[in-house]
N, C-alpha and C. Protein backbone atom coordinates (compact mmCIF):
# COMPACT_ATOMS: atom_id res chain seq x y z
N LEU A 1 -15.18 4.24 22.69
CA LEU A 1 -14.12 3.71 23.53
C LEU A 1 -14.52 2.46 24.27
N GLY A 2 -15.81 2.26 24.40
CA GLY A 2 -16.28 1.12 25.15
C GLY A 2 -16.26 -0.19 24.38
N GLN A 3 -15.96 -0.13 23.10
CA GLN A 3 -15.94 -1.37 22.32
C GLN A 3 -14.69 -2.18 22.63
N LYS A 4 -14.84 -3.48 22.44
CA LYS A 4 -13.77 -4.42 22.75
C LYS A 4 -12.45 -4.01 22.08
N VAL A 5 -11.39 -4.03 22.80
CA VAL A 5 -9.97 -3.79 22.47
C VAL A 5 -9.61 -2.34 22.11
N VAL A 6 -10.57 -1.42 22.07
CA VAL A 6 -10.25 -0.05 21.65
C VAL A 6 -9.23 0.61 22.57
N MET A 7 -9.44 0.55 23.87
CA MET A 7 -8.48 1.20 24.78
C MET A 7 -7.14 0.49 24.73
N ARG A 8 -7.14 -0.81 24.53
CA ARG A 8 -5.87 -1.54 24.42
C ARG A 8 -5.12 -1.15 23.16
N ILE A 9 -5.83 -0.87 22.08
CA ILE A 9 -5.19 -0.40 20.85
C ILE A 9 -4.52 0.94 21.09
N ILE A 10 -5.22 1.83 21.74
CA ILE A 10 -4.66 3.16 22.02
C ILE A 10 -3.43 3.05 22.91
N ARG A 11 -3.49 2.19 23.93
CA ARG A 11 -2.32 1.98 24.79
C ARG A 11 -1.14 1.45 23.96
N ALA A 12 -1.39 0.45 23.14
CA ALA A 12 -0.31 -0.16 22.35
C ALA A 12 0.30 0.82 21.36
N LEU A 13 -0.53 1.63 20.72
CA LEU A 13 -0.01 2.60 19.75
C LEU A 13 0.65 3.78 20.44
N GLY A 14 0.36 3.96 21.71
CA GLY A 14 1.02 5.02 22.47
C GLY A 14 2.50 4.76 22.65
N GLU A 15 2.88 3.50 22.58
CA GLU A 15 4.28 3.13 22.74
C GLU A 15 5.09 3.41 21.48
N ARG A 16 4.47 3.13 20.30
CA ARG A 16 5.17 3.37 19.03
C ARG A 16 4.24 3.05 17.86
N THR A 17 4.62 3.50 16.68
CA THR A 17 3.93 3.12 15.45
C THR A 17 4.11 1.62 15.25
N GLN A 18 3.03 0.95 14.81
CA GLN A 18 3.10 -0.50 14.67
C GLN A 18 2.42 -0.97 13.40
N ARG A 19 2.94 -2.06 12.85
CA ARG A 19 2.28 -2.75 11.75
C ARG A 19 1.08 -3.50 12.32
N PHE A 20 0.19 -3.90 11.42
CA PHE A 20 -1.02 -4.61 11.85
C PHE A 20 -0.66 -5.86 12.65
N CYS A 21 0.26 -6.67 12.12
CA CYS A 21 0.60 -7.94 12.80
C CYS A 21 1.28 -7.68 14.15
N GLU A 22 2.08 -6.61 14.25
CA GLU A 22 2.71 -6.27 15.53
C GLU A 22 1.64 -5.87 16.55
N LEU A 23 0.69 -5.09 16.08
CA LEU A 23 -0.40 -4.65 16.94
C LEU A 23 -1.25 -5.84 17.39
N GLN A 24 -1.50 -6.75 16.48
CA GLN A 24 -2.25 -7.95 16.81
C GLN A 24 -1.52 -8.76 17.88
N ASP A 25 -0.21 -8.91 17.75
CA ASP A 25 0.59 -9.61 18.76
C ASP A 25 0.57 -8.89 20.09
N ALA A 26 0.67 -7.56 20.06
CA ALA A 26 0.66 -6.76 21.29
C ALA A 26 -0.66 -6.91 22.04
N LEU A 27 -1.72 -7.22 21.30
CA LEU A 27 -3.04 -7.40 21.91
C LEU A 27 -3.34 -8.86 22.23
N GLY A 28 -2.31 -9.68 22.22
CA GLY A 28 -2.48 -11.08 22.59
C GLY A 28 -3.18 -11.91 21.53
N GLY A 29 -2.93 -11.57 20.26
CA GLY A 29 -3.54 -12.35 19.18
C GLY A 29 -4.99 -12.02 18.94
N ALA A 30 -5.34 -10.75 19.04
CA ALA A 30 -6.73 -10.33 18.82
C ALA A 30 -7.22 -10.80 17.45
N ASN A 31 -8.50 -11.07 17.35
CA ASN A 31 -9.12 -11.49 16.10
C ASN A 31 -8.87 -10.44 15.01
N SER A 32 -8.43 -10.88 13.83
CA SER A 32 -8.08 -9.97 12.73
C SER A 32 -9.25 -9.09 12.31
N ALA A 33 -10.42 -9.68 12.18
CA ALA A 33 -11.59 -8.93 11.75
C ALA A 33 -11.97 -7.85 12.77
N THR A 34 -11.95 -8.23 14.04
CA THR A 34 -12.26 -7.27 15.10
C THR A 34 -11.25 -6.15 15.13
N LEU A 35 -9.97 -6.49 15.05
CA LEU A 35 -8.93 -5.48 15.06
C LEU A 35 -9.07 -4.53 13.87
N SER A 36 -9.34 -5.06 12.69
CA SER A 36 -9.52 -4.22 11.50
C SER A 36 -10.69 -3.26 11.68
N GLN A 37 -11.80 -3.77 12.22
CA GLN A 37 -12.98 -2.92 12.44
C GLN A 37 -12.68 -1.81 13.43
N ARG A 38 -12.00 -2.16 14.51
CA ARG A 38 -11.71 -1.15 15.53
C ARG A 38 -10.73 -0.09 15.01
N LEU A 39 -9.73 -0.53 14.24
CA LEU A 39 -8.78 0.44 13.68
C LEU A 39 -9.48 1.39 12.71
N LYS A 40 -10.41 0.88 11.91
CA LYS A 40 -11.18 1.72 10.99
C LYS A 40 -12.02 2.71 11.78
N LEU A 41 -12.65 2.24 12.85
CA LEU A 41 -13.45 3.12 13.70
C LEU A 41 -12.59 4.24 14.28
N LEU A 42 -11.42 3.88 14.81
CA LEU A 42 -10.52 4.87 15.40
C LEU A 42 -9.99 5.84 14.35
N GLU A 43 -9.77 5.33 13.14
CA GLU A 43 -9.33 6.20 12.05
C GLU A 43 -10.44 7.18 11.68
N ASP A 44 -11.68 6.70 11.59
CA ASP A 44 -12.83 7.56 11.28
C ASP A 44 -13.03 8.64 12.34
N GLU A 45 -12.71 8.31 13.59
CA GLU A 45 -12.86 9.26 14.70
C GLU A 45 -11.68 10.23 14.81
N GLY A 46 -10.65 10.02 13.99
CA GLY A 46 -9.50 10.92 14.01
C GLY A 46 -8.50 10.62 15.11
N LEU A 47 -8.55 9.40 15.67
CA LEU A 47 -7.65 9.04 16.76
C LEU A 47 -6.42 8.28 16.28
N VAL A 48 -6.55 7.61 15.13
CA VAL A 48 -5.47 6.77 14.58
C VAL A 48 -5.25 7.13 13.12
N GLU A 49 -3.98 7.11 12.71
CA GLU A 49 -3.62 7.32 11.31
C GLU A 49 -3.13 6.01 10.72
N ARG A 50 -3.51 5.78 9.48
CA ARG A 50 -3.08 4.58 8.74
C ARG A 50 -2.10 5.04 7.68
N HIS A 51 -0.92 4.43 7.66
CA HIS A 51 0.12 4.79 6.71
C HIS A 51 0.44 3.58 5.84
N GLU A 52 0.22 3.71 4.53
CA GLU A 52 0.56 2.63 3.61
C GLU A 52 2.02 2.81 3.18
N ILE A 53 2.82 1.78 3.37
CA ILE A 53 4.23 1.81 3.02
C ILE A 53 4.40 1.04 1.71
N SER A 54 4.84 1.76 0.68
CA SER A 54 5.02 1.10 -0.61
C SER A 54 6.43 0.56 -0.71
N ALA A 55 6.55 -0.66 -0.29
CA ALA A 55 7.81 -1.41 -0.34
C ALA A 55 7.46 -2.78 -0.93
N VAL A 56 8.43 -3.62 -1.03
CA VAL A 56 8.16 -4.98 -1.50
C VAL A 56 8.44 -5.94 -0.36
N PRO A 57 7.45 -6.59 0.20
CA PRO A 57 6.02 -6.39 -0.04
C PRO A 57 5.50 -5.14 0.67
N PRO A 58 4.39 -4.57 0.20
CA PRO A 58 3.83 -3.39 0.88
C PRO A 58 3.25 -3.77 2.24
N TRP A 59 3.20 -2.80 3.13
CA TRP A 59 2.58 -3.04 4.43
C TRP A 59 1.92 -1.76 4.93
N VAL A 60 1.21 -1.88 6.02
CA VAL A 60 0.48 -0.76 6.62
C VAL A 60 0.96 -0.59 8.05
N GLU A 61 1.14 0.67 8.44
CA GLU A 61 1.49 1.00 9.83
C GLU A 61 0.40 1.89 10.40
N TYR A 62 0.23 1.80 11.70
CA TYR A 62 -0.75 2.61 12.41
C TYR A 62 -0.06 3.40 13.50
N SER A 63 -0.53 4.63 13.70
CA SER A 63 0.00 5.46 14.77
C SER A 63 -1.13 6.34 15.30
N LEU A 64 -0.91 6.88 16.48
CA LEU A 64 -1.90 7.79 17.06
C LEU A 64 -1.77 9.18 16.44
N THR A 65 -2.89 9.85 16.26
CA THR A 65 -2.89 11.25 15.89
C THR A 65 -2.66 12.06 17.18
N ALA A 66 -2.57 13.37 17.06
CA ALA A 66 -2.45 14.21 18.25
C ALA A 66 -3.67 14.02 19.15
N LYS A 67 -4.84 13.91 18.53
CA LYS A 67 -6.09 13.68 19.28
C LYS A 67 -6.03 12.34 20.03
N GLY A 68 -5.53 11.31 19.37
CA GLY A 68 -5.41 10.00 20.00
C GLY A 68 -4.40 9.99 21.12
N ALA A 69 -3.27 10.67 20.89
CA ALA A 69 -2.22 10.74 21.92
C ALA A 69 -2.74 11.48 23.15
N ASP A 70 -3.56 12.49 22.95
CA ASP A 70 -4.12 13.25 24.06
C ASP A 70 -5.06 12.39 24.91
N LEU A 71 -5.69 11.42 24.29
CA LEU A 71 -6.60 10.52 25.00
C LEU A 71 -5.85 9.59 25.95
N ARG A 72 -4.58 9.37 25.72
CA ARG A 72 -3.80 8.48 26.57
C ARG A 72 -3.82 8.92 28.04
N GLY A 73 -3.85 10.22 28.29
CA GLY A 73 -3.91 10.73 29.67
C GLY A 73 -5.18 10.29 30.37
N ALA A 74 -6.30 10.35 29.66
CA ALA A 74 -7.58 9.93 30.24
C ALA A 74 -7.57 8.42 30.52
N ILE A 75 -7.00 7.65 29.61
CA ILE A 75 -6.93 6.21 29.79
C ILE A 75 -6.02 5.87 30.97
N ALA A 76 -4.93 6.60 31.11
CA ALA A 76 -4.04 6.38 32.26
C ALA A 76 -4.78 6.65 33.56
N GLY A 77 -5.63 7.66 33.58
CA GLY A 77 -6.43 7.95 34.77
C GLY A 77 -7.40 6.82 35.09
N ILE A 78 -8.01 6.26 34.07
CA ILE A 78 -8.91 5.11 34.27
C ILE A 78 -8.13 3.91 34.80
N ASP A 79 -6.93 3.70 34.25
CA ASP A 79 -6.09 2.60 34.73
C ASP A 79 -5.75 2.77 36.21
N LEU A 80 -5.39 3.98 36.62
CA LEU A 80 -5.07 4.23 38.03
C LEU A 80 -6.28 3.99 38.92
N TRP A 81 -7.43 4.45 38.48
CA TRP A 81 -8.66 4.23 39.23
C TRP A 81 -8.92 2.74 39.38
N ALA A 82 -8.79 1.99 38.29
CA ALA A 82 -9.05 0.55 38.33
C ALA A 82 -8.08 -0.16 39.26
N GLU A 83 -6.81 0.22 39.22
CA GLU A 83 -5.82 -0.39 40.10
C GLU A 83 -6.15 -0.12 41.57
N ARG A 84 -6.51 1.11 41.86
CA ARG A 84 -6.81 1.49 43.25
C ARG A 84 -8.02 0.73 43.76
N TRP A 85 -9.10 0.68 43.00
CA TRP A 85 -10.33 0.07 43.48
C TRP A 85 -10.32 -1.43 43.34
N ALA A 86 -9.61 -1.96 42.38
CA ALA A 86 -9.50 -3.43 42.27
C ALA A 86 -8.71 -3.96 43.46
N ALA A 87 -7.68 -3.24 43.86
CA ALA A 87 -6.88 -3.65 45.02
C ALA A 87 -7.71 -3.59 46.31
N SER A 88 -8.58 -2.59 46.43
CA SER A 88 -9.36 -2.46 47.67
C SER A 88 -10.46 -3.50 47.77
N THR A 89 -10.94 -4.04 46.66
CA THR A 89 -11.99 -5.05 46.72
C THR A 89 -11.43 -6.44 46.94
N GLN A 90 -10.12 -6.62 46.78
CA GLN A 90 -9.51 -7.93 46.98
C GLN A 90 -9.11 -8.16 48.43
N GLN A 91 -9.21 -7.16 49.27
CA GLN A 91 -8.79 -7.30 50.67
C GLN A 91 -9.90 -7.81 51.53
């Protein structure tokens, strides 16, 4: 989870299933190679599912597994902690 963009990927996929390019846009134009590596890592860990859509042209969609969706609660807790303590250090 500590690798670059991993938590942001989980947040973005928590909203809905997304194509690679949609996910890349949601992450502010993340590097394609980095995004591909992180998605493969998350897939290997059982947090993300990759769905190949056989259409013309074919495309790939990504979504969270039940395990990945369950992680969203922990990430939300980290976000709340960061908001609380970031605000207190700015005063």
